[in-house]
Every structure is written in structure tokens, then in C-alpha cells.
Protein backbone atom coordinates (compact mmCIF):
# COMPACT_ATOMS: atom_id res chain seq x y z
CA MET A 1 0.01 -0.04 -0.03
CA ALA A 2 2.85 2.45 0.94
CA LYS A 3 4.57 1.73 -2.34
CA THR A 4 1.28 2.44 -4.24
CA GLU A 5 0.78 5.71 -2.33
CA LYS A 6 4.29 6.72 -2.90
CA LYS A 7 3.91 6.11 -6.70
CA GLY A 8 0.70 8.12 -6.83
CA GLY A 9 2.19 10.91 -4.93
CA ALA A 10 5.06 11.04 -7.44
CA ILE A 11 2.53 11.34 -10.19
CA VAL A 12 0.72 14.18 -8.57
CA GLU A 13 4.06 16.12 -7.91
CA THR A 14 5.02 15.67 -11.56
CA ILE A 15 1.71 17.08 -12.75
CA LYS A 16 2.06 19.84 -10.38
CA THR A 17 5.41 20.60 -11.68
CA VAL A 18 4.31 20.64 -15.37
CA VAL A 19 1.32 22.96 -14.41
CA TYR A 20 3.62 25.36 -12.56
CA ALA A 21 6.06 25.31 -15.40
CA LEU A 22 3.24 26.12 -17.97
CA LEU A 23 1.87 28.88 -15.70
CA ILE A 24 5.28 30.43 -15.34
CA ALA A 25 5.99 30.20 -19.12
CA GLY A 26 2.55 31.68 -19.88
CA VAL A 27 3.17 34.74 -17.50
CA PHE A 28 6.61 35.18 -18.98
CA ARG A 29 5.21 35.16 -22.58
CA THR A 30 2.28 37.48 -21.75
CA LEU A 31 4.23 40.15 -19.91
CA PHE A 32 7.71 40.05 -21.29
CA PHE A 33 8.74 38.27 -24.41
CA GLN A 34 6.91 36.31 -27.07
CA PRO A 35 8.68 33.92 -29.46
CA PHE A 36 8.04 34.54 -33.11
CA TRP A 37 9.10 32.61 -36.22
CA ILE A 38 9.37 34.47 -39.55
CA PRO A 39 7.13 32.44 -41.92
CA SER A 40 7.33 34.58 -45.09
CA GLY A 41 9.73 36.87 -47.05
CA SER A 42 7.84 40.07 -46.63
CA MET A 43 10.50 41.67 -44.42
CA LYS A 44 13.65 40.78 -46.52
CA GLN A 45 16.51 41.51 -45.96
CA THR A 46 15.92 42.56 -42.48
CA LEU A 47 14.21 39.37 -41.58
CA LEU A 48 14.66 36.16 -43.50
CA ILE A 49 12.28 33.10 -43.63
CA GLY A 50 13.34 30.74 -40.64
CA ASP A 51 14.63 33.61 -38.37
CA PHE A 52 13.52 33.09 -34.76
CA LEU A 53 13.15 36.12 -32.39
CA PHE A 54 11.59 37.25 -29.22
CA VAL A 55 9.15 40.12 -29.23
CA ASN A 56 9.51 42.81 -26.48
CA LYS A 57 6.06 43.27 -25.08
CA MET A 58 7.26 45.72 -22.47
CA ALA A 59 8.03 48.33 -25.32
CA TYR A 60 4.42 49.39 -25.88
CA GLY A 61 2.67 48.37 -22.77
CA TYR A 62 -0.19 46.03 -22.58
CA SER A 63 -3.56 45.31 -24.10
CA TYR A 64 -5.87 42.31 -24.83
CA ALA A 65 -3.42 41.47 -27.72
CA SER A 66 -0.58 40.87 -25.17
CA CYS A 67 -2.41 37.47 -24.28
CA PRO A 68 -0.70 34.79 -26.25
CA SER A 69 -2.76 32.99 -29.07
CA ILE A 70 -2.29 29.33 -29.23
CA ILE A 71 -3.42 28.02 -32.76
CA LEU A 72 -2.61 24.51 -33.73
CA PRO A 73 -4.91 23.47 -36.42
CA SER A 74 -3.42 20.00 -36.92
CA VAL A 75 -4.54 19.06 -33.46
CA GLY A 76 -7.62 21.24 -33.29
CA ILE A 77 -6.43 23.80 -30.80
CA ASN A 78 -7.51 27.37 -31.39
CA LEU A 79 -7.05 29.45 -28.28
CA ASP A 80 -7.21 32.99 -29.68
CA ALA A 81 -5.98 36.02 -27.64
CA LYS A 82 -9.38 37.71 -27.99
CA LYS A 83 -11.08 34.65 -26.53
CA LEU A 84 -8.70 34.57 -23.61
CA CYS A 85 -8.63 38.31 -22.98
CA GLY A 86 -11.45 39.79 -24.94
CA VAL A 87 -12.81 41.44 -21.86
CA PHE A 88 -9.98 44.05 -22.22
CA ASP A 89 -10.88 44.63 -25.88
CA GLY A 90 -12.66 47.64 -27.27
CA ASP A 91 -11.15 50.97 -25.96
CA ASN A 92 -8.10 51.06 -28.06
CA LYS A 93 -6.00 51.83 -25.00
CA ARG A 94 -2.99 50.23 -23.18
CA LEU A 95 -1.81 49.73 -19.75
CA PHE A 96 1.58 51.31 -19.31
CA GLY A 97 1.36 52.26 -22.96
CA GLY A 98 4.55 53.26 -24.83
CA THR A 99 4.68 55.21 -28.03
CA PRO A 100 5.91 53.43 -31.05
CA GLU A 101 8.29 55.14 -33.31
CA ARG A 102 8.78 55.26 -37.20
CA GLY A 103 10.93 52.74 -38.34
CA ASP A 104 10.07 50.20 -35.51
CA VAL A 105 9.68 46.54 -36.53
CA VAL A 106 6.48 45.66 -34.85
CA VAL A 107 4.48 42.42 -34.33
CA PHE A 108 0.59 43.07 -34.15
CA ARG A 109 -2.54 41.35 -34.45
CA HIS A 110 -4.33 41.52 -37.83
CA PRO A 111 -7.59 43.49 -37.12
CA ILE A 112 -9.65 40.97 -38.98
CA THR A 113 -8.14 37.50 -38.85
CA GLY A 114 -6.37 37.84 -35.46
CA ARG A 115 -3.18 36.38 -36.90
CA ASP A 116 0.18 37.80 -35.81
CA TYR A 117 1.96 39.89 -38.45
CA ILE A 118 5.31 41.56 -38.43
CA LYS A 119 6.05 44.74 -40.42
CA ARG A 120 7.85 48.03 -40.25
CA LEU A 121 5.99 51.03 -38.73
CA ILE A 122 5.76 53.82 -41.36
CA GLY A 123 2.85 56.05 -40.59
CA LEU A 124 1.59 57.52 -37.26
CA PRO A 125 -1.81 58.61 -36.32
CA GLY A 126 -2.89 61.77 -38.26
CA ASP A 127 -0.29 61.33 -41.04
CA LYS A 128 -1.04 61.49 -44.68
CA LEU A 129 0.90 58.94 -46.80
CA GLN A 130 1.16 58.16 -50.44
CA ILE A 131 3.49 55.95 -52.48
CA THR A 132 4.72 57.51 -55.61
CA ASP A 133 6.99 55.39 -57.99
CA GLY A 134 8.06 53.23 -55.04
CA ILE A 135 8.88 56.27 -52.87
CA VAL A 136 6.99 56.80 -49.56
CA GLN A 137 5.59 60.35 -48.97
CA ILE A 138 4.78 61.40 -45.43
CA ASN A 139 2.75 64.56 -45.11
CA GLY A 140 3.86 65.83 -48.51
CA GLU A 141 7.50 65.01 -48.06
CA SER A 142 9.42 62.27 -49.80
CA ILE A 143 11.23 59.85 -47.66
CA GLU A 144 14.99 59.64 -48.66
CA GLN A 145 15.91 56.42 -50.67
CA THR A 146 19.58 55.82 -51.65
CA PRO A 147 20.46 52.99 -54.04
CA ASP A 148 22.49 50.28 -52.26
CA GLY A 149 23.29 47.50 -54.83
CA GLN A 150 21.49 44.37 -54.88
CA PHE A 151 20.12 41.56 -52.48
CA GLU A 152 21.00 38.19 -53.80
CA GLU A 153 19.64 34.78 -52.69
CA LEU A 154 19.46 31.22 -54.06
CA MET A 155 16.33 30.16 -55.96
CA GLU A 156 15.20 27.33 -53.66
CA LEU A 157 12.31 26.28 -51.51
CA GLN A 158 12.38 28.34 -48.25
CA GLY A 159 11.01 27.51 -44.94
CA PRO A 160 8.42 24.75 -43.89
CA GLN A 161 6.07 26.11 -46.37
CA GLY A 162 8.39 25.75 -49.36
CA LEU A 163 8.08 29.31 -50.68
CA ARG A 164 9.99 30.40 -53.72
CA PRO A 165 11.42 33.95 -53.81
CA ARG A 166 10.49 36.45 -56.42
CA CYS A 167 13.26 37.96 -58.50
CA ALA A 168 13.99 41.19 -60.29
CA ASN A 169 16.05 39.27 -62.86
CA GLY A 170 13.07 37.36 -64.20
CA ALA A 171 12.64 33.60 -64.30
CA VAL A 172 15.38 31.92 -62.36
CA GLY A 173 16.02 28.22 -62.27
CA GLN A 174 16.36 26.06 -59.19
CA GLY A 175 19.77 26.83 -57.61
CA GLY A 176 20.20 30.06 -59.62
CA ILE A 177 20.81 33.56 -58.16
CA CYS A 178 17.61 35.43 -57.42
CA ILE A 179 18.35 39.33 -57.34
CA LYS A 180 16.40 42.10 -55.93
CA GLU A 181 17.35 45.87 -56.12
CA ARG A 182 18.20 47.35 -52.68
CA SER A 183 17.91 50.80 -51.43
CA ILE A 184 18.38 52.36 -47.92
CA GLU A 185 15.31 54.27 -46.72
CA THR A 186 15.83 56.90 -43.98
CA MET A 187 12.97 58.34 -41.87
CA PRO A 188 12.63 61.84 -40.72
CA ASN A 189 13.52 60.63 -37.20
CA GLY A 190 16.90 59.17 -38.68
CA ALA A 191 15.68 55.47 -38.49
CA SER A 192 17.46 53.83 -41.53
CA TYR A 193 17.07 50.34 -43.09
CA ALA A 194 17.22 48.32 -46.29
CA VAL A 195 14.21 47.95 -48.55
CA LEU A 196 13.92 45.73 -51.61
CA ASN A 197 12.31 46.17 -55.13
CA ILE A 198 11.39 43.47 -57.59
CA GLY A 199 9.89 45.63 -60.32
CA PRO A 200 7.05 48.13 -61.19
CA GLN A 201 3.59 47.08 -59.81
CA ALA A 202 0.31 48.70 -58.65
CA SER A 203 1.40 49.07 -55.06
CA ASP A 204 4.28 51.43 -56.20
CA ARG A 205 1.68 54.06 -57.01
CA THR A 206 -1.14 54.73 -54.61
CA GLY A 207 -3.70 57.28 -53.45
CA VAL A 208 -3.54 59.15 -50.18
CA TYR A 209 -3.86 57.25 -47.04
CA SER A 210 -5.11 59.36 -43.94
CA VAL A 211 -4.08 57.42 -40.86
CA PRO A 212 -6.93 57.81 -38.19
CA GLU A 213 -6.18 58.73 -34.64
CA GLY A 214 -5.19 55.73 -32.54
CA HIS A 215 -4.11 53.78 -35.59
CA TYR A 216 -0.86 52.98 -37.38
CA PHE A 217 0.32 52.30 -40.98
CA PHE A 218 2.73 49.36 -41.73
CA MET A 219 4.79 48.18 -44.68
CA GLY A 220 7.15 45.26 -45.35
CA ASP A 221 10.70 45.91 -46.29
CA ASN A 222 10.33 43.59 -49.24
CA ARG A 223 8.10 46.15 -50.80
CA ASP A 224 6.81 44.16 -53.82
CA ASN A 225 6.22 41.04 -51.82
CA SER A 226 4.19 42.19 -48.80
CA ALA A 227 0.47 42.31 -47.82
CA ASP A 228 0.33 45.27 -45.65
CA SER A 229 -1.34 48.61 -44.87
CA ARG A 230 -1.40 49.59 -48.60
CA LEU A 231 -4.12 47.05 -49.16
CA ALA A 232 -7.42 47.34 -47.34
CA GLN A 233 -8.52 44.60 -44.94
CA ALA A 234 -11.41 43.75 -47.04
CA ALA A 235 -9.01 43.00 -49.95
CA GLY A 236 -6.83 40.75 -47.90
CA GLY A 237 -4.42 43.39 -46.72
CA VAL A 238 -3.68 44.74 -43.21
CA GLY A 239 -5.26 48.31 -43.54
CA PHE A 240 -4.81 50.65 -40.55
CA VAL A 241 -3.86 48.83 -37.31
CA PRO A 242 -5.35 49.97 -33.90
CA TYR A 243 -2.94 50.84 -31.09
CA GLU A 244 -4.39 48.01 -28.99
CA ASN A 245 -3.51 45.52 -31.56
CA LEU A 246 0.10 46.11 -31.21
CA ILE A 247 1.94 43.18 -29.44
CA GLY A 248 5.51 44.32 -29.16
CA ARG A 249 8.78 45.47 -30.83
CA ALA A 250 11.12 43.12 -32.55
CA ASP A 251 14.69 43.96 -31.32
CA ARG A 252 17.00 41.01 -31.90
CA ILE A 253 17.11 37.81 -33.90
CA VAL A 254 17.97 34.86 -31.55
CA PHE A 255 18.22 31.99 -33.97
CA SER A 256 18.10 31.35 -37.64
CA SER A 257 17.56 28.29 -39.75
CA GLY A 258 17.27 28.35 -43.73
CA GLY A 259 16.04 24.82 -44.09
CA ARG A 260 12.53 23.18 -43.97
CA SER A 261 13.04 22.32 -40.25
CA MET A 262 15.08 23.74 -37.45
CA LEU A 263 16.46 20.26 -36.89
CA PHE A 264 18.43 20.57 -40.17
CA PHE A 265 21.55 21.85 -38.42
CA TRP A 266 23.47 22.29 -41.66
CA THR A 267 21.07 25.06 -42.72
CA TRP A 268 21.63 27.12 -39.51
CA ARG A 269 22.62 30.59 -40.23
CA GLY A 270 25.35 31.27 -37.56
CA ASP A 271 25.95 34.80 -38.73
CA ARG A 272 22.41 35.71 -37.67
CA PHE A 273 22.37 34.41 -34.22
CA PHE A 274 21.70 37.28 -31.70
CA LYS A 275 21.66 39.76 -34.53
CA GLY A 276 20.14 43.20 -33.67
CA ILE A 277 17.14 44.33 -35.87
CA LYS A 278 17.20 47.75 -37.25
């Protein structure tokens, strides 16, 4: 009997340990840092498919979007942040709210789908923006862009989804060099970063966007391969993003893998480990 009781007690202690560990991890992820994998090429060259980073949730304070979403369709799990913390939704405010700055790389919840997106903050509340021949204009002033050579990558399947890159140098066969034109864009506040161009397309010439109060305008650095605020939510884009939908700021890449799985150690990108994001 004593042996059975001892075994039962050990099982209970193991369960308690697992529950405590999950609670601690949940609190840490909710309040401080959230892990994020880069699934697409919309932020190249700043972020590559397979980069792994932690999102700084303390940067902008907390809202319902700070609650983690746990979505695993393969096993039928769909615990959305709005389901868990929806009681805090609706006022477009934040607790200990911080002010995002132009040029920040931000993770946010899509206003319609609730999926996590990562883009660069371009427009602030009250701004008027327009894209003319690929150049961003903010309140009538063109943002400086300086040509900076080319971005090159192999034409190959990228990431778990097996995505192929788009190239400025036309159709490129498997294993060939895919090229995009690169420029350095500099914001009025001095934030500077690389943006890529594939070729002329409709999103290079837009009407005027008037950013509502309490909302933000985002774009991907890979300008011709990004669904962002240039496209309305009803058309599959991001549109204007409410302040309360911001999750946090991406500051540093922790790990990076260029293969279909992080277990393929020969595809790890050692030069990107702990690399700062700007």
C-alpha cells in the first residue's frame, strides 16, 4: 500500500511541476517576451524566412493582444488572444502604454483575422501617406531612398511552407541567383534600413492614406512582396492597425535556420544568431 501511495504521490508532484512550469511560461510570454518565427519573405533583407526572435512586449505596454494565441490546426487547438482576454478589448488603450516610433519593426494582431503579423511602422496617427513610383511620401515630403546595390539569394524552396522567392532578374531556375534591387530608406527621425524592389507594380503608386487617430500604417521591407497597410483589410491586406492590436517590438534575432526544419543543423545561419534588428 505504501509503495502505491508513494507512486501516486510522485505522479501528482510531476503533474504539479508541469502545471507550474506552464503557468510561469504563460506569464513570461504574456508580460515580457513572445517567441516569433518568420514564416514569409515580406521583411527581407531585415528578416529572413526561418529567423526566430523574441518580441519585446514591454516596449508598448499591454492590451488584450498581449495575451498569447495558441493556434494548432493540426490538433484542433484554437485559443485566440481575443477569446482569452477579450474582456479588455474595445477601448483602443493600453496599460503602461508606450509610443511606437517610425521605423520600429512591430508584431501586431491583424484587425480581422487575429493572426500575428510583423511589419515596419511607417505612418503615425494623423499622417497622410502616399506611395509614388515606389517612394513613400509622408505629409507631402518624400522619404529619402539611396540605391545600395543588390540583394542576392538562391532560388530554392524556403522554410516549412516551401516558398519560392520572387526575383527582379526574371525567371530563375532552381539553384540560380535571385536578385532584388536594394535601397536604404531613411525616416525623418533618422531610422535607416534596407528595402527591396522587384519591379514596377500597382502598389508602387497609390492614393493618399489618412491614418486615423489611434491607428498605425505598416509596410514590409520587401516592398513588392508584402500584404500590408497599402491594401485594405477587405481586400486581404492589413489596412490601418489599432493601437491596442500592437503586441511588441522586434529587437533581436536569436536563432536562424534556412531549411525546411530547425532540426536541419546544416542549414543554420550562424551569422544571424543574436543579430540586432534595425
